[in-house]
Amino acid sequence: MDIDVFAAAHAREWERLDRLVRRRRHLDGAEIDELVDLYQRVSTHLSVVRSSGQDPALVGRLSALIARARSAVTGAHDPAWRDILGFFTRVFPAILYRLRWWWLGMTAGTVGIAAAVAWWIVADPAVMHAIGTPEYVAQVVEYEFANYYVENPRGSFAAQVWTNNAWVSAQAIVYGVAFGVPTLVVMLINAVNVGTMAGLMIGHGRADVFFGLILPHGLLELTAVFVAGGIGLRLGWSLIAPGNRTRLRALGEEGRSAVAAALGLAVVLFISGLIEGLVTGNTVAGHIPVPVALGIGVLAEVLFLLYVFVVGRRAYLEGETGDIRNAPAAVPVA
C-alpha cells in the first residue's frame, strides 16, 4: 500500500473529524451523527496505517485524533490524575525495566571510564600538572569544589542543577537518532569530567570530601543520566538492527518510549536536584552530618532501584511496554 496516496485520499475526512471534535459542544443532530460515522471510519483508517508499519508519525497523529474523538463520542474520559498515576506506576517503570540492560551497561562503562581517568591522574603526577598549575589545582580542590554547592541560594541552585541535568539527559536520549554516536560522546565527556575531578580530589587527600559531597545526590542523579544514555543507545540501535520491523517503525516505537522516559527522568532529576540543593548544600555548611547526607542519598537510590525492579518488572510482565496503547484499531457500531 502507498501510504502517501492513502493519506491524501482520506485527508479531508480526518480534517472534518478534527473540526467536529473541536466544535463538539455546539453540534446539531446531523453533525453528531456525522461525528460518530467519521469516528468509526477513521478508526479503521488507523488500523490500516498501523498494520502497514510505514509511517509512525501518521499513526501517532491518527491515534491522538481518535482519542479526542472517542472522548467526544462517549462523553466521558478518565481523569487526568488517573493518567498521571498510570504513567508513574506502569508506563515509566516498565520502560526502565525493559531497557535495564542498556542502562546498566552504560552505568558500568561510564563508571569504569571515570575510575580509569581518576586513577591515571592520581598515579601520574605529570597528568596532574598538565591539568593546571599547582595554584589553580589547589584553588579547585580546597575551595571551588565545595563552594559550588553553597555559592547560590538553595532554591535557585536546585533549579539550576535540575535544568542542567535534564538538558544533559535529553541530549543523551535525542542524540540516539544519529545511531547513538553523539550519545556516546556526551556520556564520555561526562565520565571524563567526573573522573578528572575525582582524580584531583583523591590525589590531594580529599577523597572524603569528594565522596561525602557527591554521593548524596550523585547516586540518583548519575543513575538517571546513565538511564538516559542507555535509552539513547537503544534508540540508535533500533536503526542499526531493527529486527523484523522496518527501521521507521522501530524508530517510532522506541522513540515514543524514549520520550515517555525523558518525561519520567525529569521528575527523577528534580528529586536529585532537591537533594543536591538542600542536602549537599547544608552538608557543606555543616548543618547536616555527612553520614546523614549519605544515608539520604543511598535511600533515594535504593527506592529508585526498587521502583524499577519491583514496580517496573510487574508492569512489564503484565504487557506494558511504554508505547502508545489503548488507541482502538476499529470501533464497533454503537
C-alpha atoms as a PDB file:
ATOM      1  CA  MET A   1       0.000   0.000   0.000  1.00  0.00           C
ATOM      2  CA  ASP A   2       1.221   3.512  -0.866  1.00  0.00           C
ATOM      3  CA  ILE A   3       0.789   5.333   2.439  1.00  0.00           C
ATOM      4  CA  ASP A   4       1.058   8.783   0.826  1.00  0.00           C
ATOM      5  CA  VAL A   5      -1.771   8.020  -1.593  1.00  0.00           C
ATOM      6  CA  PHE A   6      -3.865   6.597   1.250  1.00  0.00           C
ATOM      7  CA  ALA A   7      -3.287   9.713   3.379  1.00  0.00           C
ATOM      8  CA  ALA A   8      -4.156  12.037   0.501  1.00  0.00           C
ATOM      9  CA  ALA A   9      -7.361  10.114  -0.212  1.00  0.00           C
ATOM     10  CA  HIS A  10      -8.635  10.398   3.356  1.00  0.00           C
ATOM     11  CA  ALA A  11      -7.144  13.722   4.462  1.00  0.00           C
ATOM     12  CA  ARG A  12     -10.466  15.561   4.129  1.00  0.00           C
ATOM     13  CA  GLU A  13     -12.233  13.039   6.361  1.00  0.00           C
ATOM     14  CA  TRP A  14      -9.535  13.428   9.012  1.00  0.00           C
ATOM     15  CA  GLU A  15      -9.707  17.210   8.824  1.00  0.00           C
ATOM     16  CA  ARG A  16     -13.512  17.141   9.048  1.00  0.00           C
ATOM     17  CA  LEU A  17     -13.400  14.871  12.091  1.00  0.00           C
ATOM     18  CA  ASP A  18     -10.886  17.207  13.720  1.00  0.00           C
ATOM     19  CA  ARG A  19     -13.176  20.211  13.110  1.00  0.00           C
ATOM     20  CA  LEU A  20     -16.200  18.398  14.522  1.00  0.00           C
ATOM     21  CA  VAL A  21     -14.271  17.349  17.618  1.00  0.00           C
ATOM     22  CA  ARG A  22     -13.184  20.943  18.203  1.00  0.00           C
ATOM     23  CA  ARG A  23     -16.841  22.090  17.936  1.00  0.00           C
ATOM     24  CA  ARG A  24     -18.277  19.142  19.862  1.00  0.00           C
ATOM     25  CA  ARG A  25     -20.178  21.367  22.312  1.00  0.00           C
ATOM     26  CA  HIS A  26     -22.028  23.169  19.518  1.00  0.00           C
ATOM     27  CA  LEU A  27     -23.054  20.376  17.116  1.00  0.00           C
ATOM     28  CA  ASP A  28     -26.565  19.829  15.818  1.00  0.00           C
ATOM     29  CA  GLY A  29     -28.153  16.402  15.377  1.00  0.00           C
ATOM     30  CA  ALA A  30     -26.847  15.806  11.854  1.00  0.00           C
ATOM     31  CA  GLU A  31     -23.321  16.804  12.822  1.00  0.00           C
ATOM     32  CA  ILE A  32     -23.370  14.447  15.810  1.00  0.00           C
ATOM     33  CA  ASP A  33     -24.321  11.578  13.503  1.00  0.00           C
ATOM     34  CA  GLU A  34     -21.523  12.643  11.147  1.00  0.00           C
ATOM     35  CA  LEU A  35     -19.068  12.728  14.057  1.00  0.00           C
ATOM     36  CA  VAL A  36     -19.907   9.148  15.070  1.00  0.00           C
ATOM     37  CA  ASP A  37     -19.668   7.938  11.459  1.00  0.00           C
ATOM     38  CA  LEU A  38     -16.297   9.617  10.902  1.00  0.00           C
ATOM     39  CA  TYR A  39     -15.028   8.309  14.234  1.00  0.00           C
ATOM     40  CA  GLN A  40     -15.703   4.750  13.111  1.00  0.00           C
ATOM     41  CA  ARG A  41     -14.218   5.257   9.652  1.00  0.00           C
ATOM     42  CA  VAL A  42     -11.056   6.995  10.841  1.00  0.00           C
ATOM     43  CA  SER A  43     -10.574   4.266  13.458  1.00  0.00           C
ATOM     44  CA  THR A  44     -10.495   1.785  10.599  1.00  0.00           C
ATOM     45  CA  HIS A  45      -8.020   4.028   8.760  1.00  0.00           C
ATOM     46  CA  LEU A  46      -5.799   3.943  11.847  1.00  0.00           C
ATOM     47  CA  SER A  47      -5.889   0.157  11.802  1.00  0.00           C
ATOM     48  CA  VAL A  48      -4.795   0.119   8.153  1.00  0.00           C
ATOM     49  CA  VAL A  49      -1.971   2.626   8.673  1.00  0.00           C
ATOM     50  CA  ARG A  50      -0.734   0.874  11.793  1.00  0.00           C
ATOM     51  CA  SER A  51      -0.671  -2.546  10.118  1.00  0.00           C
ATOM     52  CA  SER A  52       1.399  -1.140   7.231  1.00  0.00           C
ATOM     53  CA  GLY A  53       4.131  -0.072   9.670  1.00  0.00           C
ATOM     54  CA  GLN A  54       5.317   2.589   7.210  1.00  0.00           C
ATOM     55  CA  ASP A  55       4.607   5.879   8.956  1.00  0.00           C
ATOM     56  CA  PRO A  56       4.890   6.065  12.780  1.00  0.00           C
ATOM     57  CA  ALA A  57       4.235   9.819  12.686  1.00  0.00           C
ATOM     58  CA  LEU A  58       0.908   9.307  10.932  1.00  0.00           C
ATOM     59  CA  VAL A  59      -0.002   6.567  13.413  1.00  0.00           C
ATOM     60  CA  GLY A  60       0.645   8.987  16.249  1.00  0.00           C
ATOM     61  CA  ARG A  61      -1.408  11.730  14.614  1.00  0.00           C
ATOM     62  CA  LEU A  62      -4.404   9.478  13.973  1.00  0.00           C
ATOM     63  CA  SER A  63      -4.134   7.910  17.441  1.00  0.00           C
ATOM     64  CA  ALA A  64      -4.367  11.353  19.024  1.00  0.00           C
ATOM     65  CA  LEU A  65      -7.322  12.294  16.789  1.00  0.00           C
ATOM     66  CA  ILE A  66      -9.169   9.075  17.628  1.00  0.00           C
ATOM     67  CA  ALA A  67      -8.546   9.537  21.348  1.00  0.00           C
ATOM     68  CA  ARG A  68     -10.099  13.025  21.239  1.00  0.00           C
ATOM     69  CA  ALA A  69     -12.973  11.828  19.081  1.00  0.00           C
ATOM     70  CA  ARG A  70     -13.668   8.923  21.429  1.00  0.00           C
ATOM     71  CA  SER A  71     -13.933  11.384  24.298  1.00  0.00           C
ATOM     72  CA  ALA A  72     -16.403  13.472  22.291  1.00  0.00           C
ATOM     73  CA  VAL A  73     -18.490  10.444  21.281  1.00  0.00           C
ATOM     74  CA  THR A  74     -18.647   8.768  24.694  1.00  0.00           C
ATOM     75  CA  GLY A  75     -18.841  11.994  26.647  1.00  0.00           C
ATOM     76  CA  ALA A  76     -16.534  10.589  29.349  1.00  0.00           C
ATOM     77  CA  HIS A  77     -12.874  10.065  29.932  1.00  0.00           C
ATOM     78  CA  ASP A  78     -10.521   9.069  32.683  1.00  0.00           C
ATOM     79  CA  PRO A  79      -9.488  11.947  34.944  1.00  0.00           C
ATOM     80  CA  ALA A  80      -6.085  13.448  34.212  1.00  0.00           C
ATOM     81  CA  TRP A  81      -4.803  12.391  37.607  1.00  0.00           C
ATOM     82  CA  ARG A  82      -5.527   8.776  36.700  1.00  0.00           C
ATOM     83  CA  ASP A  83      -3.449   9.092  33.536  1.00  0.00           C
ATOM     84  CA  ILE A  84      -0.588  10.600  35.533  1.00  0.00           C
ATOM     85  CA  LEU A  85      -0.849   7.872  38.156  1.00  0.00           C
ATOM     86  CA  GLY A  86      -0.856   5.198  35.443  1.00  0.00           C
ATOM     87  CA  PHE A  87       2.208   6.726  33.829  1.00  0.00           C
ATOM     88  CA  PHE A  88       4.269   6.625  37.009  1.00  0.00           C
ATOM     89  CA  THR A  89       3.011   3.265  38.266  1.00  0.00           C
ATOM     90  CA  ARG A  90       3.123   1.360  34.975  1.00  0.00           C
ATOM     91  CA  VAL A  91       4.426   3.078  31.837  1.00  0.00           C
ATOM     92  CA  PHE A  92       7.592   4.755  33.102  1.00  0.00           C
ATOM     93  CA  PRO A  93       8.867   1.952  35.380  1.00  0.00           C
ATOM     94  CA  ALA A  94       8.088  -0.647  32.685  1.00  0.00           C
ATOM     95  CA  ILE A  95      10.243   1.265  30.179  1.00  0.00           C
ATOM     96  CA  LEU A  96      13.109   1.394  32.667  1.00  0.00           C
ATOM     97  CA  TYR A  97      12.817  -2.317  33.363  1.00  0.00           C
ATOM     98  CA  ARG A  98      12.516  -3.294  29.683  1.00  0.00           C
ATOM     99  CA  LEU A  99      15.663  -1.345  28.827  1.00  0.00           C
ATOM    100  CA  ARG A 100      17.533  -2.252  32.008  1.00  0.00           C
ATOM    101  CA  TRP A 101      20.461  -4.000  30.294  1.00  0.00           C
ATOM    102  CA  TRP A 102      21.145  -0.958  28.153  1.00  0.00           C
ATOM    103  CA  TRP A 103      21.418   1.487  31.030  1.00  0.00           C
ATOM    104  CA  LEU A 104      23.110  -0.992  33.366  1.00  0.00           C
ATOM    105  CA  GLY A 105      25.739  -1.490  30.665  1.00  0.00           C
ATOM    106  CA  MET A 106      26.013   2.279  30.264  1.00  0.00           C
ATOM    107  CA  THR A 107      26.484   2.581  34.029  1.00  0.00           C
ATOM    108  CA  ALA A 108      29.294   0.028  34.089  1.00  0.00           C
ATOM    109  CA  GLY A 109      31.058   1.585  31.101  1.00  0.00           C
ATOM    110  CA  THR A 110      30.787   5.181  32.299  1.00  0.00           C
ATOM    111  CA  VAL A 111      31.863   4.400  35.866  1.00  0.00           C
ATOM    112  CA  GLY A 112      34.761   2.340  34.508  1.00  0.00           C
ATOM    113  CA  ILE A 113      35.982   5.217  32.319  1.00  0.00           C
ATOM    114  CA  ALA A 114      35.643   7.733  35.165  1.00  0.00           C
ATOM    115  CA  ALA A 115      37.553   5.422  37.514  1.00  0.00           C
ATOM    116  CA  ALA A 116      40.301   4.910  34.921  1.00  0.00           C
ATOM    117  CA  VAL A 117      40.675   8.681  34.417  1.00  0.00           C
ATOM    118  CA  ALA A 118      40.821   9.258  38.180  1.00  0.00           C
ATOM    119  CA  TRP A 119      43.439   6.524  38.625  1.00  0.00           C
ATOM    120  CA  TRP A 120      45.520   7.949  35.772  1.00  0.00           C
ATOM    121  CA  ILE A 121      45.553  11.399  37.363  1.00  0.00           C
ATOM    122  CA  VAL A 122      46.411  10.063  40.826  1.00  0.00           C
ATOM    123  CA  ALA A 123      49.106   7.672  39.560  1.00  0.00           C
ATOM    124  CA  ASP A 124      50.889  10.061  37.170  1.00  0.00           C
ATOM    125  CA  PRO A 125      51.974  13.471  38.551  1.00  0.00           C
ATOM    126  CA  ALA A 126      52.614  14.654  35.003  1.00  0.00           C
ATOM    127  CA  VAL A 127      48.923  14.336  34.207  1.00  0.00           C
ATOM    128  CA  MET A 128      48.050  16.287  37.343  1.00  0.00           C
ATOM    129  CA  HIS A 129      50.409  19.076  36.315  1.00  0.00           C
ATOM    130  CA  ALA A 130      49.023  19.076  32.767  1.00  0.00           C
ATOM    131  CA  ILE A 131      45.532  19.864  34.068  1.00  0.00           C
ATOM    132  CA  GLY A 132      46.644  23.157  35.608  1.00  0.00           C
ATOM    133  CA  THR A 133      49.170  24.979  37.687  1.00  0.00           C
ATOM    134  CA  PRO A 134      49.580  23.881  41.321  1.00  0.00           C
ATOM    135  CA  GLU A 135      47.897  27.126  42.414  1.00  0.00           C
ATOM    136  CA  TYR A 136      44.896  26.512  40.140  1.00  0.00           C
ATOM    137  CA  VAL A 137      44.509  22.891  41.227  1.00  0.00           C
ATOM    138  CA  ALA A 138      44.774  23.875  44.901  1.00  0.00           C
ATOM    139  CA  GLN A 139      42.063  26.512  44.373  1.00  0.00           C
ATOM    140  CA  VAL A 140      39.744  23.922  42.830  1.00  0.00           C
ATOM    141  CA  VAL A 141      40.418  21.258  45.456  1.00  0.00           C
ATOM    142  CA  GLU A 142      40.428  23.425  48.567  1.00  0.00           C
ATOM    143  CA  TYR A 143      37.721  25.907  47.695  1.00  0.00           C
ATOM    144  CA  GLU A 144      35.810  25.716  44.419  1.00  0.00           C
ATOM    145  CA  PHE A 145      34.589  22.114  44.649  1.00  0.00           C
ATOM    146  CA  ALA A 146      32.782  22.583  47.963  1.00  0.00           C
ATOM    147  CA  ASN A 147      31.846  26.226  47.348  1.00  0.00           C
ATOM    148  CA  TYR A 148      29.971  25.218  44.192  1.00  0.00           C
ATOM    149  CA  TYR A 149      27.186  23.822  46.393  1.00  0.00           C
ATOM    150  CA  VAL A 150      26.724  26.952  48.530  1.00  0.00           C
ATOM    151  CA  GLU A 151      27.606  29.947  46.332  1.00  0.00           C
ATOM    152  CA  ASN A 152      23.963  30.353  45.226  1.00  0.00           C
ATOM    153  CA  PRO A 153      20.685  30.324  47.204  1.00  0.00           C
ATOM    154  CA  ARG A 154      19.466  26.763  47.819  1.00  0.00           C
ATOM    155  CA  GLY A 155      16.267  27.045  45.769  1.00  0.00           C
ATOM    156  CA  SER A 156      17.795  28.657  42.690  1.00  0.00           C
ATOM    157  CA  PHE A 157      20.750  26.264  42.845  1.00  0.00           C
ATOM    158  CA  ALA A 158      18.435  23.239  42.901  1.00  0.00           C
ATOM    159  CA  ALA A 159      16.524  24.636  39.908  1.00  0.00           C
ATOM    160  CA  GLN A 160      19.772  25.300  38.043  1.00  0.00           C
ATOM    161  CA  VAL A 161      21.049  21.782  38.720  1.00  0.00           C
ATOM    162  CA  TRP A 162      17.730  20.259  37.628  1.00  0.00           C
ATOM    163  CA  THR A 163      17.695  22.235  34.380  1.00  0.00           C
ATOM    164  CA  ASN A 164      21.292  21.325  33.553  1.00  0.00           C
ATOM    165  CA  ASN A 165      20.894  17.624  34.285  1.00  0.00           C
ATOM    166  CA  ALA A 166      17.573  17.427  32.449  1.00  0.00           C
ATOM    167  CA  TRP A 167      19.268  19.021  29.417  1.00  0.00           C
ATOM    168  CA  VAL A 168      22.164  16.556  29.507  1.00  0.00           C
ATOM    169  CA  SER A 169      19.734  13.643  29.790  1.00  0.00           C
ATOM    170  CA  ALA A 170      17.574  14.962  26.958  1.00  0.00           C
ATOM    171  CA  GLN A 171      20.662  15.280  24.770  1.00  0.00           C
ATOM    172  CA  ALA A 172      21.730  11.734  25.576  1.00  0.00           C
ATOM    173  CA  ILE A 173      18.305  10.444  24.527  1.00  0.00           C
ATOM    174  CA  VAL A 174      17.631  12.614  21.472  1.00  0.00           C
ATOM    175  CA  TYR A 175      21.124  12.124  20.026  1.00  0.00           C
ATOM    176  CA  GLY A 176      20.319   8.430  19.801  1.00  0.00           C
ATOM    177  CA  VAL A 177      18.604   9.079  16.457  1.00  0.00           C
ATOM    178  CA  ALA A 178      22.111   9.581  14.980  1.00  0.00           C
ATOM    179  CA  PHE A 179      22.845   5.875  15.503  1.00  0.00           C
ATOM    180  CA  GLY A 180      23.798   6.569  19.124  1.00  0.00           C
ATOM    181  CA  VAL A 181      27.212   8.067  18.315  1.00  0.00           C
ATOM    182  CA  PRO A 182      26.568  11.549  19.800  1.00  0.00           C
ATOM    183  CA  THR A 183      25.063   9.855  22.851  1.00  0.00           C
ATOM    184  CA  LEU A 184      28.336   8.046  23.431  1.00  0.00           C
ATOM    185  CA  VAL A 185      30.211  11.341  23.071  1.00  0.00           C
ATOM    186  CA  VAL A 186      28.000  13.081  25.651  1.00  0.00           C
ATOM    187  CA  MET A 187      28.410  10.226  28.112  1.00  0.00           C
ATOM    188  CA  LEU A 188      32.178  10.073  27.518  1.00  0.00           C
ATOM    189  CA  ILE A 189      32.560  13.795  28.220  1.00  0.00           C
ATOM    190  CA  ASN A 190      30.621  13.452  31.457  1.00  0.00           C
ATOM    191  CA  ALA A 191      32.661  10.409  32.509  1.00  0.00           C
ATOM    192  CA  VAL A 192      35.941  12.244  31.876  1.00  0.00           C
ATOM    193  CA  ASN A 193      34.741  15.324  33.776  1.00  0.00           C
ATOM    194  CA  VAL A 194      33.698  13.295  36.816  1.00  0.00           C
ATOM    195  CA  GLY A 195      36.886  11.223  36.684  1.00  0.00           C
ATOM    196  CA  THR A 196      39.042  14.333  36.428  1.00  0.00           C
ATOM    197  CA  MET A 197      37.503  15.936  39.495  1.00  0.00           C
ATOM    198  CA  ALA A 198      37.722  12.653  41.404  1.00  0.00           C
ATOM    199  CA  GLY A 199      41.389  12.314  40.484  1.00  0.00           C
ATOM    200  CA  LEU A 200      42.198  15.855  41.602  1.00  0.00           C
ATOM    201  CA  MET A 201      40.407  15.454  44.921  1.00  0.00           C
ATOM    202  CA  ILE A 202      41.757  11.993  45.691  1.00  0.00           C
ATOM    203  CA  GLY A 203      45.258  12.963  44.604  1.00  0.00           C
ATOM    204  CA  HIS A 204      45.240  15.796  47.155  1.00  0.00           C
ATOM    205  CA  GLY A 205      43.957  13.681  50.031  1.00  0.00           C
ATOM    206  CA  ARG A 206      40.406  14.989  49.769  1.00  0.00           C
ATOM    207  CA  ALA A 207      38.643  11.745  48.853  1.00  0.00           C
ATOM    208  CA  ASP A 208      36.398  12.023  51.940  1.00  0.00           C
ATOM    209  CA  VAL A 209      35.222  15.474  50.846  1.00  0.00           C
ATOM    210  CA  PHE A 210      34.658  14.369  47.250  1.00  0.00           C
ATOM    211  CA  PHE A 211      32.591  11.281  48.030  1.00  0.00           C
ATOM    212  CA  GLY A 212      30.894  12.888  51.022  1.00  0.00           C
ATOM    213  CA  LEU A 213      29.535  15.672  48.825  1.00  0.00           C
ATOM    214  CA  ILE A 214      28.928  13.948  45.516  1.00  0.00           C
ATOM    215  CA  LEU A 215      27.312  10.692  46.633  1.00  0.00           C
ATOM    216  CA  PRO A 216      24.214  12.036  48.468  1.00  0.00           C
ATOM    217  CA  HIS A 217      22.765  13.495  45.266  1.00  0.00           C
ATOM    218  CA  GLY A 218      25.078  11.828  42.725  1.00  0.00           C
ATOM    219  CA  LEU A 219      23.824   8.286  43.225  1.00  0.00           C
ATOM    220  CA  LEU A 220      20.353   9.143  41.955  1.00  0.00           C
ATOM    221  CA  GLU A 221      21.460  11.903  39.597  1.00  0.00           C
ATOM    222  CA  LEU A 222      24.087   9.856  37.792  1.00  0.00           C
ATOM    223  CA  THR A 223      21.788   6.840  37.633  1.00  0.00           C
ATOM    224  CA  ALA A 224      19.212   8.986  35.827  1.00  0.00           C
ATOM    225  CA  VAL A 225      21.875  10.210  33.395  1.00  0.00           C
ATOM    226  CA  PHE A 226      23.043   6.625  32.816  1.00  0.00           C
ATOM    227  CA  VAL A 227      19.443   5.609  32.123  1.00  0.00           C
ATOM    228  CA  ALA A 228      19.148   8.412  29.571  1.00  0.00           C
ATOM    229  CA  GLY A 229      22.386   7.317  27.904  1.00  0.00           C
ATOM    230  CA  GLY A 230      21.245   3.705  27.742  1.00  0.00           C
ATOM    231  CA  ILE A 231      17.898   4.685  26.226  1.00  0.00           C
ATOM    232  CA  GLY A 232      19.671   6.869  23.667  1.00  0.00           C
ATOM    233  CA  LEU A 233      21.854   3.938  22.656  1.00  0.00           C
ATOM    234  CA  ARG A 234      18.806   1.687  22.351  1.00  0.00           C
ATOM    235  CA  LEU A 235      17.180   4.292  20.125  1.00  0.00           C
ATOM    236  CA  GLY A 236      20.254   4.316  17.904  1.00  0.00           C
ATOM    237  CA  TRP A 237      20.435   0.533  17.851  1.00  0.00           C
ATOM    238  CA  SER A 238      16.831   0.361  16.610  1.00  0.00           C
ATOM    239  CA  LEU A 239      18.119   1.939  13.392  1.00  0.00           C
ATOM    240  CA  ILE A 240      21.118  -0.364  13.136  1.00  0.00           C
ATOM    241  CA  ALA A 241      19.297  -3.603  13.972  1.00  0.00           C
ATOM    242  CA  PRO A 242      15.505  -3.110  13.747  1.00  0.00           C
ATOM    243  CA  GLY A 243      14.815  -6.853  13.821  1.00  0.00           C
ATOM    244  CA  ASN A 244      11.681  -7.910  11.965  1.00  0.00           C
ATOM    245  CA  ARG A 245      10.412  -4.310  11.885  1.00  0.00           C
ATOM    246  CA  THR A 246      11.096  -1.620   9.341  1.00  0.00           C
ATOM    247  CA  ARG A 247      13.589   0.984  10.535  1.00  0.00           C
ATOM    248  CA  LEU A 248      10.893   3.660  10.598  1.00  0.00           C
ATOM    249  CA  ARG A 249       8.586   1.501  12.670  1.00  0.00           C
ATOM    250  CA  ALA A 250      11.382   0.505  15.070  1.00  0.00           C
ATOM    251  CA  LEU A 251      12.436   4.137  15.447  1.00  0.00           C
ATOM    252  CA  GLY A 252       8.843   5.197  16.035  1.00  0.00           C
ATOM    253  CA  GLU A 253       8.194   2.570  18.702  1.00  0.00           C
ATOM    254  CA  GLU A 254      11.467   3.149  20.547  1.00  0.00           C
ATOM    255  CA  GLY A 255      11.160   6.904  20.067  1.00  0.00           C
ATOM    256  CA  ARG A 256       7.772   7.038  21.780  1.00  0.00           C
ATOM    257  CA  SER A 257       9.164   5.062  24.704  1.00  0.00           C
ATOM    258  CA  ALA A 258      12.198   7.360  24.816  1.00  0.00           C
ATOM    259  CA  VAL A 259      10.012  10.479  25.013  1.00  0.00           C
ATOM    260  CA  ALA A 260       7.995   8.925  27.836  1.00  0.00           C
ATOM    261  CA  ALA A 261      11.217   8.007  29.652  1.00  0.00           C
ATOM    262  CA  ALA A 262      12.539  11.551  29.259  1.00  0.00           C
ATOM    263  CA  LEU A 263       9.418  12.917  30.951  1.00  0.00           C
ATOM    264  CA  GLY A 264       9.792  10.474  33.827  1.00  0.00           C
ATOM    265  CA  LEU A 265      13.502  11.174  34.201  1.00  0.00           C
ATOM    266  CA  ALA A 266      12.744  14.886  34.531  1.00  0.00           C
ATOM    267  CA  VAL A 267      10.922  14.052  37.768  1.00  0.00           C
ATOM    268  CA  VAL A 268      13.759  11.804  38.973  1.00  0.00           C
ATOM    269  CA  LEU A 269      16.263  14.562  38.274  1.00  0.00           C
ATOM    270  CA  PHE A 270      14.043  17.066  40.057  1.00  0.00           C
ATOM    271  CA  ILE A 271      14.309  14.907  43.178  1.00  0.00           C
ATOM    272  CA  SER A 272      18.086  14.589  42.835  1.00  0.00           C
ATOM    273  CA  GLY A 273      18.274  18.356  42.299  1.00  0.00           C
ATOM    274  CA  LEU A 274      16.414  18.931  45.550  1.00  0.00           C
ATOM    275  CA  ILE A 275      18.829  16.610  47.340  1.00  0.00           C
ATOM    276  CA  GLU A 276      21.801  18.434  45.824  1.00  0.00           C
ATOM    277  CA  GLY A 277      20.450  21.873  46.658  1.00  0.00           C
ATOM    278  CA  LEU A 278      19.046  21.163  50.099  1.00  0.00           C
ATOM    279  CA  VAL A 279      21.060  18.235  51.452  1.00  0.00           C
ATOM    280  CA  THR A 280      24.507  18.600  49.880  1.00  0.00           C
ATOM    281  CA  GLY A 281      24.471  22.367  50.350  1.00  0.00           C
ATOM    282  CA  ASN A 282      23.599  22.020  54.021  1.00  0.00           C
ATOM    283  CA  THR A 283      26.301  19.376  54.382  1.00  0.00           C
ATOM    284  CA  VAL A 284      28.891  21.863  53.149  1.00  0.00           C
ATOM    285  CA  ALA A 285      27.504  24.451  55.568  1.00  0.00           C
ATOM    286  CA  GLY A 286      27.783  21.947  58.432  1.00  0.00           C
ATOM    287  CA  HIS A 287      24.040  21.753  59.122  1.00  0.00           C
ATOM    288  CA  ILE A 288      23.714  18.107  58.064  1.00  0.00           C
ATOM    289  CA  PRO A 289      26.323  15.491  59.066  1.00  0.00           C
ATOM    290  CA  VAL A 290      27.961  13.640  56.197  1.00  0.00           C
ATOM    291  CA  PRO A 291      26.670  10.192  57.347  1.00  0.00           C
ATOM    292  CA  VAL A 292      23.102  11.531  57.365  1.00  0.00           C
ATOM    293  CA  ALA A 293      23.537  13.010  53.880  1.00  0.00           C
ATOM    294  CA  LEU A 294      24.981   9.733  52.613  1.00  0.00           C
ATOM    295  CA  GLY A 295      22.056   7.862  54.152  1.00  0.00           C
ATOM    296  CA  ILE A 296      19.602  10.101  52.306  1.00  0.00           C
ATOM    297  CA  GLY A 297      21.425   9.503  49.023  1.00  0.00           C
ATOM    298  CA  VAL A 298      21.554   5.733  49.494  1.00  0.00           C
ATOM    299  CA  LEU A 299      17.863   5.645  50.461  1.00  0.00           C
ATOM    300  CA  ALA A 300      16.892   7.588  47.322  1.00  0.00           C
ATOM    301  CA  GLU A 301      18.929   5.218  45.131  1.00  0.00           C
ATOM    302  CA  VAL A 302      17.519   2.090  46.771  1.00  0.00           C
ATOM    303  CA  LEU A 303      13.957   3.369  46.363  1.00  0.00           C
ATOM    304  CA  PHE A 304      14.610   4.079  42.681  1.00  0.00           C
ATOM    305  CA  LEU A 305      16.006   0.588  42.067  1.00  0.00           C
ATOM    306  CA  LEU A 306      13.051  -0.990  43.902  1.00  0.00           C
ATOM    307  CA  TYR A 307      10.741   1.144  41.771  1.00  0.00           C
ATOM    308  CA  VAL A 308      12.345  -0.229  38.610  1.00  0.00           C
ATOM    309  CA  PHE A 309      12.870  -3.859  39.561  1.00  0.00           C
ATOM    310  CA  VAL A 310       9.656  -4.391  41.521  1.00  0.00           C
ATOM    311  CA  VAL A 311       7.034  -1.991  40.147  1.00  0.00           C
ATOM    312  CA  GLY A 312       8.544  -1.879  36.664  1.00  0.00           C
ATOM    313  CA  ARG A 313       9.061  -5.626  36.435  1.00  0.00           C
ATOM    314  CA  ARG A 314       5.442  -6.280  37.416  1.00  0.00           C
ATOM    315  CA  ALA A 315       4.090  -3.825  34.844  1.00  0.00           C
ATOM    316  CA  TYR A 316       6.401  -5.185  32.134  1.00  0.00           C
ATOM    317  CA  LEU A 317       5.380  -8.800  32.782  1.00  0.00           C
ATOM    318  CA  GLU A 318       1.754  -7.696  32.524  1.00  0.00           C
ATOM    319  CA  GLY A 319       2.429  -6.483  28.986  1.00  0.00           C
ATOM    320  CA  GLU A 320       3.257  -2.801  29.469  1.00  0.00           C
ATOM    321  CA  THR A 321       5.935  -1.587  27.035  1.00  0.00           C
ATOM    322  CA  GLY A 322       5.667   2.199  27.200  1.00  0.00           C
ATOM    323  CA  ASP A 323       4.494   2.500  23.593  1.00  0.00           C
ATOM    324  CA  ILE A 324       1.226   4.220  22.596  1.00  0.00           C
ATOM    325  CA  ARG A 325      -1.639   1.978  23.550  1.00  0.00           C
ATOM    326  CA  ASN A 326      -5.376   1.983  24.113  1.00  0.00           C
ATOM    327  CA  ALA A 327      -5.942   3.554  20.693  1.00  0.00           C
ATOM    328  CA  PRO A 328      -8.570   1.345  19.078  1.00  0.00           C
ATOM    329  CA  ALA A 329      -7.811  -0.283  15.765  1.00  0.00           C
ATOM    330  CA  ALA A 330     -11.511  -0.324  14.893  1.00  0.00           C
ATOM    331  CA  VAL A 331     -14.650   0.767  16.711  1.00  0.00           C
ATOM    332  CA  PRO A 332     -17.857  -1.221  16.926  1.00  0.00           C
ATOM    333  CA  VAL A 333     -21.023   0.463  15.670  1.00  0.00           C
ATOM    334  CA  ALA A 334     -22.979   1.888  18.596  1.00  0.00           C
END
